[in-house]
Amino acid sequence: MDMTNRTVFIVGGTSGIGLGLAHRFAAAGSTVIVGGRRNDPVDGLATIEVDVTDPESVLRARDRVLADHPDLDVVVTMSGVMLTEDLRDPTHFASAETMIATNVLGTIRVIDAFTPHLIERGVGTIITVSSGIAFLPFPIAPTYGASKAAVHAYSEALRAQLLGTGVEVAELVPPAVASHPDIASRNPHALDLNDYLDEVVGLLSEQPTPHEILVKGVLMHRWAERDGTYAELVAQRSKALAGLPGR
């Protein structure tokens, strides 16, 4: 995709990967609006308050964005939350509900809000965000992985249904990225944020836009089953379960 002269709304773009991607689009010459649970400007970027778990909040945000930017042609559904769970303890269900509400229903809600506008324009891009964990489970975060697998499946179906409308669908599939200092301290294997964004921008800029934005660091996750490393890698990742309380 051409990242220049686009009008981009990044939902969940007030921090982390979303904010980094916002700056990359802006540096390429695009107009960028970020959405999050705050409405004060972030790093000089216009910000619109939006809570993806609240249908009315999403519709208000859509109306504000389209009123100010009727040429909007890129929507990025970046909002997500990752919580660990102990499936032996039924109280984990509250965490599961939170992740499904944000990661799955929030993604669908944002897409539904903007799809009619993009179809009417006859051109545009929807970028969804799944995870390497969608393809290679991290057993300490079971619902997170399930939610991101759902985003992947939904993205595939959305792409098929929008075929011929001029609206393309790209799925960003991040591995662990040091988007916050605490992630870097907990996971020394997490990719440097700027290095990750460099790869992402290179892939997004390809013509045609890849269906999946797969940096080198996520290929081991994406293709583990094909490569015969799936069981071994899941076993390695299951070692984190020892850190759950009472284990």
C-alpha atoms as a PDB file:
ATOM      1  CA  MET A   1       0.000   0.000   0.000  1.00  0.00           C
ATOM      2  CA  ASP A   2       1.031   3.582  -0.518  1.00  0.00           C
ATOM      3  CA  MET A   3       1.561   5.053   2.955  1.00  0.00           C
ATOM      4  CA  THR A   4       1.775   8.626   1.676  1.00  0.00           C
ATOM      5  CA  ASN A   5      -1.142  11.022   1.466  1.00  0.00           C
ATOM      6  CA  ARG A   6      -3.488   8.691   3.309  1.00  0.00           C
ATOM      7  CA  THR A   7      -5.945   9.635   6.036  1.00  0.00           C
ATOM      8  CA  VAL A   8      -5.543   7.114   8.837  1.00  0.00           C
ATOM      9  CA  PHE A   9      -7.519   6.429  12.010  1.00  0.00           C
ATOM     10  CA  ILE A  10      -5.646   4.161  14.427  1.00  0.00           C
ATOM     11  CA  VAL A  11      -7.930   2.913  17.192  1.00  0.00           C
ATOM     12  CA  GLY A  12      -5.716   2.057  20.140  1.00  0.00           C
ATOM     13  CA  GLY A  13      -2.992   4.324  18.826  1.00  0.00           C
ATOM     14  CA  THR A  14      -2.190   6.368  21.933  1.00  0.00           C
ATOM     15  CA  SER A  15       0.686   4.132  23.045  1.00  0.00           C
ATOM     16  CA  GLY A  16       2.895   1.211  22.075  1.00  0.00           C
ATOM     17  CA  ILE A  17       2.866  -0.246  18.587  1.00  0.00           C
ATOM     18  CA  GLY A  18      -0.180   1.807  17.616  1.00  0.00           C
ATOM     19  CA  LEU A  19       1.487   5.102  18.475  1.00  0.00           C
ATOM     20  CA  GLY A  20       4.684   4.039  16.749  1.00  0.00           C
ATOM     21  CA  LEU A  21       2.750   3.120  13.619  1.00  0.00           C
ATOM     22  CA  ALA A  22       0.937   6.450  13.775  1.00  0.00           C
ATOM     23  CA  HIS A  23       4.254   8.283  13.683  1.00  0.00           C
ATOM     24  CA  ARG A  24       5.429   6.185  10.746  1.00  0.00           C
ATOM     25  CA  PHE A  25       2.310   7.027   8.732  1.00  0.00           C
ATOM     26  CA  ALA A  26       2.680  10.697   9.634  1.00  0.00           C
ATOM     27  CA  ALA A  27       6.355  10.705   8.651  1.00  0.00           C
ATOM     28  CA  ALA A  28       5.366   9.248   5.270  1.00  0.00           C
ATOM     29  CA  GLY A  29       3.065  12.214   4.660  1.00  0.00           C
ATOM     30  CA  SER A  30      -0.287  10.868   5.833  1.00  0.00           C
ATOM     31  CA  THR A  31      -2.843  12.577   8.038  1.00  0.00           C
ATOM     32  CA  VAL A  32      -3.184  10.534  11.235  1.00  0.00           C
ATOM     33  CA  ILE A  33      -5.821  10.512  13.957  1.00  0.00           C
ATOM     34  CA  VAL A  34      -5.387   8.228  16.947  1.00  0.00           C
ATOM     35  CA  GLY A  35      -8.154   6.887  19.136  1.00  0.00           C
ATOM     36  CA  GLY A  36      -7.983   5.777  22.745  1.00  0.00           C
ATOM     37  CA  ARG A  37      -9.462   6.266  26.181  1.00  0.00           C
ATOM     38  CA  ARG A  38      -7.933   9.738  26.372  1.00  0.00           C
ATOM     39  CA  ASN A  39      -8.727  12.745  24.236  1.00  0.00           C
ATOM     40  CA  ASP A  40      -5.733  15.025  24.822  1.00  0.00           C
ATOM     41  CA  PRO A  41      -3.189  15.247  21.962  1.00  0.00           C
ATOM     42  CA  VAL A  42      -0.488  12.570  22.015  1.00  0.00           C
ATOM     43  CA  ASP A  43       2.946  13.479  20.629  1.00  0.00           C
ATOM     44  CA  GLY A  44       1.356  16.173  18.497  1.00  0.00           C
ATOM     45  CA  LEU A  45      -1.207  13.814  16.961  1.00  0.00           C
ATOM     46  CA  ALA A  46      -4.937  14.520  16.956  1.00  0.00           C
ATOM     47  CA  THR A  47      -6.684  12.233  19.422  1.00  0.00           C
ATOM     48  CA  ILE A  48     -10.296  11.120  19.661  1.00  0.00           C
ATOM     49  CA  GLU A  49     -11.667   9.421  22.735  1.00  0.00           C
ATOM     50  CA  VAL A  50     -13.031   5.954  22.038  1.00  0.00           C
ATOM     51  CA  ASP A  51     -13.776   2.865  24.106  1.00  0.00           C
ATOM     52  CA  VAL A  52     -14.145  -0.133  21.798  1.00  0.00           C
ATOM     53  CA  THR A  53     -16.190  -2.018  24.399  1.00  0.00           C
ATOM     54  CA  ASP A  54     -18.865   0.707  24.263  1.00  0.00           C
ATOM     55  CA  PRO A  55     -20.974   0.720  21.058  1.00  0.00           C
ATOM     56  CA  GLU A  56     -22.047   4.342  21.487  1.00  0.00           C
ATOM     57  CA  SER A  57     -18.465   5.464  22.057  1.00  0.00           C
ATOM     58  CA  VAL A  58     -17.379   3.838  18.789  1.00  0.00           C
ATOM     59  CA  LEU A  59     -20.198   5.489  16.855  1.00  0.00           C
ATOM     60  CA  ARG A  60     -19.415   8.902  18.361  1.00  0.00           C
ATOM     61  CA  ALA A  61     -15.780   8.491  17.412  1.00  0.00           C
ATOM     62  CA  ARG A  62     -16.723   7.463  13.879  1.00  0.00           C
ATOM     63  CA  ASP A  63     -18.962  10.484  13.460  1.00  0.00           C
ATOM     64  CA  ARG A  64     -16.263  12.860  14.703  1.00  0.00           C
ATOM     65  CA  VAL A  65     -13.592  11.346  12.476  1.00  0.00           C
ATOM     66  CA  LEU A  66     -15.730  11.376   9.339  1.00  0.00           C
ATOM     67  CA  ALA A  67     -17.024  14.895  10.010  1.00  0.00           C
ATOM     68  CA  ASP A  68     -13.467  16.236  10.168  1.00  0.00           C
ATOM     69  CA  HIS A  69     -11.917  13.789   7.689  1.00  0.00           C
ATOM     70  CA  PRO A  70     -14.423  12.677   5.042  1.00  0.00           C
ATOM     71  CA  ASP A  71     -11.488  11.390   2.981  1.00  0.00           C
ATOM     72  CA  LEU A  72     -10.599   8.759   5.604  1.00  0.00           C
ATOM     73  CA  ASP A  73      -9.249   5.712   3.792  1.00  0.00           C
ATOM     74  CA  VAL A  74      -7.287   3.663   6.351  1.00  0.00           C
ATOM     75  CA  VAL A  75      -8.649   2.198   9.593  1.00  0.00           C
ATOM     76  CA  VAL A  76      -6.398   0.297  12.001  1.00  0.00           C
ATOM     77  CA  THR A  77      -8.021  -1.747  14.794  1.00  0.00           C
ATOM     78  CA  MET A  78      -5.173  -1.780  17.312  1.00  0.00           C
ATOM     79  CA  SER A  79      -7.018  -1.921  20.665  1.00  0.00           C
ATOM     80  CA  GLY A  80      -6.221  -5.013  22.692  1.00  0.00           C
ATOM     81  CA  VAL A  81      -5.578  -6.335  26.171  1.00  0.00           C
ATOM     82  CA  MET A  82      -3.550  -9.356  27.294  1.00  0.00           C
ATOM     83  CA  LEU A  83      -4.161 -10.933  30.705  1.00  0.00           C
ATOM     84  CA  THR A  84      -2.772 -14.145  32.131  1.00  0.00           C
ATOM     85  CA  GLU A  85      -5.207 -16.790  33.415  1.00  0.00           C
ATOM     86  CA  ASP A  86      -5.186 -19.892  35.583  1.00  0.00           C
ATOM     87  CA  LEU A  87      -7.803 -22.147  34.019  1.00  0.00           C
ATOM     88  CA  ARG A  88      -7.956 -24.235  37.208  1.00  0.00           C
ATOM     89  CA  ASP A  89      -9.483 -21.222  38.931  1.00  0.00           C
ATOM     90  CA  PRO A  90     -12.983 -20.353  37.655  1.00  0.00           C
ATOM     91  CA  THR A  91     -12.488 -16.714  38.639  1.00  0.00           C
ATOM     92  CA  HIS A  92     -10.401 -16.338  35.474  1.00  0.00           C
ATOM     93  CA  PHE A  93     -13.676 -15.909  33.592  1.00  0.00           C
ATOM     94  CA  ALA A  94     -13.798 -12.184  34.286  1.00  0.00           C
ATOM     95  CA  SER A  95     -10.446 -11.778  32.539  1.00  0.00           C
ATOM     96  CA  ALA A  96     -11.668 -13.889  29.638  1.00  0.00           C
ATOM     97  CA  GLU A  97     -14.719 -11.672  29.232  1.00  0.00           C
ATOM     98  CA  THR A  98     -12.559  -8.541  29.235  1.00  0.00           C
ATOM     99  CA  MET A  99     -10.291  -9.874  26.481  1.00  0.00           C
ATOM    100  CA  ILE A 100     -13.126 -11.094  24.278  1.00  0.00           C
ATOM    101  CA  ALA A 101     -14.977  -7.788  24.704  1.00  0.00           C
ATOM    102  CA  THR A 102     -11.929  -5.755  23.715  1.00  0.00           C
ATOM    103  CA  ASN A 103      -9.948  -7.915  21.330  1.00  0.00           C
ATOM    104  CA  VAL A 104     -12.752  -9.584  19.392  1.00  0.00           C
ATOM    105  CA  LEU A 105     -15.968  -7.617  19.768  1.00  0.00           C
ATOM    106  CA  GLY A 106     -14.074  -4.316  19.861  1.00  0.00           C
ATOM    107  CA  THR A 107     -12.355  -5.169  16.588  1.00  0.00           C
ATOM    108  CA  ILE A 108     -15.638  -6.125  14.929  1.00  0.00           C
ATOM    109  CA  ARG A 109     -17.361  -3.032  16.282  1.00  0.00           C
ATOM    110  CA  VAL A 110     -14.753  -0.674  14.807  1.00  0.00           C
ATOM    111  CA  ILE A 111     -14.769  -2.465  11.455  1.00  0.00           C
ATOM    112  CA  ASP A 112     -18.570  -2.333  11.296  1.00  0.00           C
ATOM    113  CA  ALA A 113     -18.526   1.392  12.055  1.00  0.00           C
ATOM    114  CA  PHE A 114     -16.267   2.294   9.121  1.00  0.00           C
ATOM    115  CA  THR A 115     -16.871  -0.380   6.485  1.00  0.00           C
ATOM    116  CA  PRO A 116     -19.880   1.372   4.866  1.00  0.00           C
ATOM    117  CA  HIS A 117     -17.829   4.568   4.470  1.00  0.00           C
ATOM    118  CA  LEU A 118     -14.909   2.731   2.875  1.00  0.00           C
ATOM    119  CA  ILE A 119     -17.149   0.727   0.546  1.00  0.00           C
ATOM    120  CA  GLU A 120     -18.895   3.922  -0.540  1.00  0.00           C
ATOM    121  CA  ARG A 121     -15.522   5.476  -1.339  1.00  0.00           C
ATOM    122  CA  GLY A 122     -14.605   2.403  -3.349  1.00  0.00           C
ATOM    123  CA  VAL A 123     -11.064   2.385  -2.001  1.00  0.00           C
ATOM    124  CA  GLY A 124      -9.386   1.952   1.351  1.00  0.00           C
ATOM    125  CA  THR A 125      -7.550  -0.323   3.741  1.00  0.00           C
ATOM    126  CA  ILE A 126      -8.567  -2.023   6.964  1.00  0.00           C
ATOM    127  CA  ILE A 127      -5.651  -3.220   9.104  1.00  0.00           C
ATOM    128  CA  THR A 128      -6.515  -5.700  11.834  1.00  0.00           C
ATOM    129  CA  VAL A 129      -4.110  -6.803  14.546  1.00  0.00           C
ATOM    130  CA  SER A 130      -3.822 -10.416  15.628  1.00  0.00           C
ATOM    131  CA  SER A 131      -0.669 -11.917  17.209  1.00  0.00           C
ATOM    132  CA  GLY A 132       1.893 -14.657  16.831  1.00  0.00           C
ATOM    133  CA  ILE A 133       0.069 -16.214  19.782  1.00  0.00           C
ATOM    134  CA  ALA A 134      -2.905 -16.738  17.471  1.00  0.00           C
ATOM    135  CA  PHE A 135      -0.853 -19.426  15.721  1.00  0.00           C
ATOM    136  CA  LEU A 136       1.374 -20.716  18.538  1.00  0.00           C
ATOM    137  CA  PRO A 137      -0.417 -20.755  21.907  1.00  0.00           C
ATOM    138  CA  PHE A 138       1.124 -19.216  25.002  1.00  0.00           C
ATOM    139  CA  PRO A 139      -0.634 -21.379  27.625  1.00  0.00           C
ATOM    140  CA  ILE A 140      -0.454 -18.755  30.373  1.00  0.00           C
ATOM    141  CA  ALA A 141      -2.617 -16.458  28.212  1.00  0.00           C
ATOM    142  CA  PRO A 142      -5.243 -18.832  26.779  1.00  0.00           C
ATOM    143  CA  THR A 143      -8.110 -16.451  26.072  1.00  0.00           C
ATOM    144  CA  TYR A 144      -5.757 -13.867  24.616  1.00  0.00           C
ATOM    145  CA  GLY A 145      -4.534 -16.447  22.114  1.00  0.00           C
ATOM    146  CA  ALA A 146      -8.090 -17.529  21.359  1.00  0.00           C
ATOM    147  CA  SER A 147      -9.158 -13.917  20.837  1.00  0.00           C
ATOM    148  CA  LYS A 148      -6.320 -13.270  18.419  1.00  0.00           C
ATOM    149  CA  ALA A 149      -7.035 -16.491  16.541  1.00  0.00           C
ATOM    150  CA  ALA A 150     -10.570 -15.163  16.183  1.00  0.00           C
ATOM    151  CA  VAL A 151      -9.239 -11.883  14.777  1.00  0.00           C
ATOM    152  CA  HIS A 152      -7.211 -13.849  12.229  1.00  0.00           C
ATOM    153  CA  ALA A 153     -10.219 -15.901  11.109  1.00  0.00           C
ATOM    154  CA  TYR A 154     -12.408 -12.801  10.992  1.00  0.00           C
ATOM    155  CA  SER A 155      -9.821 -10.943   8.906  1.00  0.00           C
ATOM    156  CA  GLU A 156      -9.723 -13.771   6.386  1.00  0.00           C
ATOM    157  CA  ALA A 157     -13.507 -13.773   6.061  1.00  0.00           C
ATOM    158  CA  LEU A 158     -13.678  -9.979   5.894  1.00  0.00           C
ATOM    159  CA  ARG A 159     -11.149  -9.945   3.057  1.00  0.00           C
ATOM    160  CA  ALA A 160     -13.211 -12.490   1.130  1.00  0.00           C
ATOM    161  CA  GLN A 161     -16.438 -10.550   1.650  1.00  0.00           C
ATOM    162  CA  LEU A 162     -14.917  -7.214   0.610  1.00  0.00           C
ATOM    163  CA  LEU A 163     -13.352  -8.618  -2.548  1.00  0.00           C
ATOM    164  CA  GLY A 164     -14.291  -6.404  -5.468  1.00  0.00           C
ATOM    165  CA  THR A 165     -15.212  -3.372  -3.338  1.00  0.00           C
ATOM    166  CA  GLY A 166     -11.798  -1.701  -3.554  1.00  0.00           C
ATOM    167  CA  VAL A 167     -11.298  -2.126   0.203  1.00  0.00           C
ATOM    168  CA  GLU A 168      -8.305  -4.304   1.120  1.00  0.00           C
ATOM    169  CA  VAL A 169      -7.688  -6.087   4.417  1.00  0.00           C
ATOM    170  CA  ALA A 170      -4.221  -6.511   5.912  1.00  0.00           C
ATOM    171  CA  GLU A 171      -3.561  -8.390   9.150  1.00  0.00           C
ATOM    172  CA  LEU A 172      -0.702  -7.235  11.356  1.00  0.00           C
ATOM    173  CA  VAL A 173       0.721 -10.249  13.218  1.00  0.00           C
ATOM    174  CA  PRO A 174       3.132  -9.011  15.917  1.00  0.00           C
ATOM    175  CA  PRO A 175       5.446 -11.230  17.939  1.00  0.00           C
ATOM    176  CA  ALA A 176       6.499 -10.023  21.394  1.00  0.00           C
ATOM    177  CA  VAL A 177       7.525  -6.382  20.934  1.00  0.00           C
ATOM    178  CA  ALA A 178       9.143  -4.182  23.590  1.00  0.00           C
ATOM    179  CA  SER A 179       6.491  -1.505  23.189  1.00  0.00           C
ATOM    180  CA  HIS A 180       6.730  -0.629  26.897  1.00  0.00           C
ATOM    181  CA  PRO A 181       9.735  -0.789  29.269  1.00  0.00           C
ATOM    182  CA  ASP A 182       8.091  -3.444  31.443  1.00  0.00           C
ATOM    183  CA  ILE A 183       7.772  -5.777  28.442  1.00  0.00           C
ATOM    184  CA  ALA A 184      11.482  -5.455  27.718  1.00  0.00           C
ATOM    185  CA  SER A 185      12.323  -6.230  31.343  1.00  0.00           C
ATOM    186  CA  ARG A 186      10.064  -9.308  31.437  1.00  0.00           C
ATOM    187  CA  ASN A 187      10.937 -10.671  28.024  1.00  0.00           C
ATOM    188  CA  PRO A 188      14.526 -10.224  26.814  1.00  0.00           C
ATOM    189  CA  HIS A 189      13.514 -11.803  23.483  1.00  0.00           C
ATOM    190  CA  ALA A 190      10.971  -9.081  22.697  1.00  0.00           C
ATOM    191  CA  LEU A 191      11.793  -7.170  19.519  1.00  0.00           C
ATOM    192  CA  ASP A 192      12.915  -3.571  19.752  1.00  0.00           C
ATOM    193  CA  LEU A 193       9.928  -1.379  18.864  1.00  0.00           C
ATOM    194  CA  ASN A 194      11.716   0.707  16.242  1.00  0.00           C
ATOM    195  CA  ASP A 195      13.241  -2.351  14.610  1.00  0.00           C
ATOM    196  CA  TYR A 196       9.811  -3.942  14.495  1.00  0.00           C
ATOM    197  CA  LEU A 197       8.235  -0.839  12.950  1.00  0.00           C
ATOM    198  CA  ASP A 198      10.992  -0.646  10.342  1.00  0.00           C
ATOM    199  CA  GLU A 199      10.061  -4.127   9.158  1.00  0.00           C
ATOM    200  CA  VAL A 200       6.331  -3.421   9.319  1.00  0.00           C
ATOM    201  CA  VAL A 201       6.610  -0.274   7.209  1.00  0.00           C
ATOM    202  CA  GLY A 202       8.676  -2.124   4.637  1.00  0.00           C
ATOM    203  CA  LEU A 203       6.060  -4.867   4.379  1.00  0.00           C
ATOM    204  CA  LEU A 204       3.080  -2.499   4.375  1.00  0.00           C
ATOM    205  CA  SER A 205       4.668  -0.516   1.557  1.00  0.00           C
ATOM    206  CA  GLU A 206       4.809  -3.519  -0.758  1.00  0.00           C
ATOM    207  CA  GLN A 207       2.557  -3.643  -3.802  1.00  0.00           C
ATOM    208  CA  PRO A 208       0.176  -5.336  -3.500  1.00  0.00           C
ATOM    209  CA  THR A 209      -0.235  -5.105   0.258  1.00  0.00           C
ATOM    210  CA  PRO A 210       0.491  -8.510   1.853  1.00  0.00           C
ATOM    211  CA  HIS A 211      -2.535 -10.177   3.401  1.00  0.00           C
ATOM    212  CA  GLU A 212      -0.457 -10.814   6.539  1.00  0.00           C
ATOM    213  CA  ILE A 213       2.263  -8.480   7.803  1.00  0.00           C
ATOM    214  CA  LEU A 214       4.791 -11.025   9.054  1.00  0.00           C
ATOM    215  CA  VAL A 215       8.132  -9.735  10.324  1.00  0.00           C
ATOM    216  CA  LYS A 216      10.976 -12.234  10.571  1.00  0.00           C
ATOM    217  CA  GLY A 217      10.556 -12.536  14.342  1.00  0.00           C
ATOM    218  CA  VAL A 218       7.030 -13.924  14.045  1.00  0.00           C
ATOM    219  CA  LEU A 219       7.662 -16.539  11.348  1.00  0.00           C
ATOM    220  CA  MET A 220       8.510 -19.237  13.919  1.00  0.00           C
ATOM    221  CA  HIS A 221       5.057 -18.686  15.436  1.00  0.00           C
ATOM    222  CA  ARG A 222       3.137 -18.438  12.182  1.00  0.00           C
ATOM    223  CA  TRP A 223       4.599 -21.540  10.581  1.00  0.00           C
ATOM    224  CA  ALA A 224       5.329 -23.750  13.631  1.00  0.00           C
ATOM    225  CA  GLU A 225       2.716 -26.345  12.693  1.00  0.00           C
ATOM    226  CA  ARG A 226       3.913 -26.495   9.085  1.00  0.00           C
ATOM    227  CA  ASP A 227       7.542 -26.715  10.161  1.00  0.00           C
ATOM    228  CA  GLY A 228       6.977 -29.495  12.687  1.00  0.00           C
ATOM    229  CA  THR A 229       8.101 -27.396  15.675  1.00  0.00           C
ATOM    230  CA  TYR A 230       4.654 -26.758  17.152  1.00  0.00           C
ATOM    231  CA  ALA A 231       4.574 -29.321  19.976  1.00  0.00           C
ATOM    232  CA  GLU A 232       8.117 -28.543  21.081  1.00  0.00           C
ATOM    233  CA  LEU A 233       7.528 -24.798  21.150  1.00  0.00           C
ATOM    234  CA  VAL A 234       4.218 -25.106  23.032  1.00  0.00           C
ATOM    235  CA  ALA A 235       5.980 -27.273  25.620  1.00  0.00           C
ATOM    236  CA  GLN A 236       8.694 -24.646  26.021  1.00  0.00           C
ATOM    237  CA  ARG A 237       6.125 -21.880  26.385  1.00  0.00           C
ATOM    238  CA  SER A 238       4.179 -23.939  28.933  1.00  0.00           C
ATOM    239  CA  LYS A 239       7.049 -23.501  31.392  1.00  0.00           C
ATOM    240  CA  ALA A 240       5.632 -20.059  32.166  1.00  0.00           C
ATOM    241  CA  LEU A 241       2.701 -21.766  33.914  1.00  0.00           C
ATOM    242  CA  ALA A 242       5.000 -22.422  36.863  1.00  0.00           C
ATOM    243  CA  GLY A 243       4.798 -18.718  37.626  1.00  0.00           C
ATOM    244  CA  LEU A 244       1.069 -18.797  38.333  1.00  0.00           C
ATOM    245  CA  PRO A 245       0.130 -18.460  42.018  1.00  0.00           C
ATOM    246  CA  GLY A 246      -0.157 -21.860  43.695  1.00  0.00           C
ATOM    247  CA  ARG A 247       1.718 -23.747  40.983  1.00  0.00           C
END
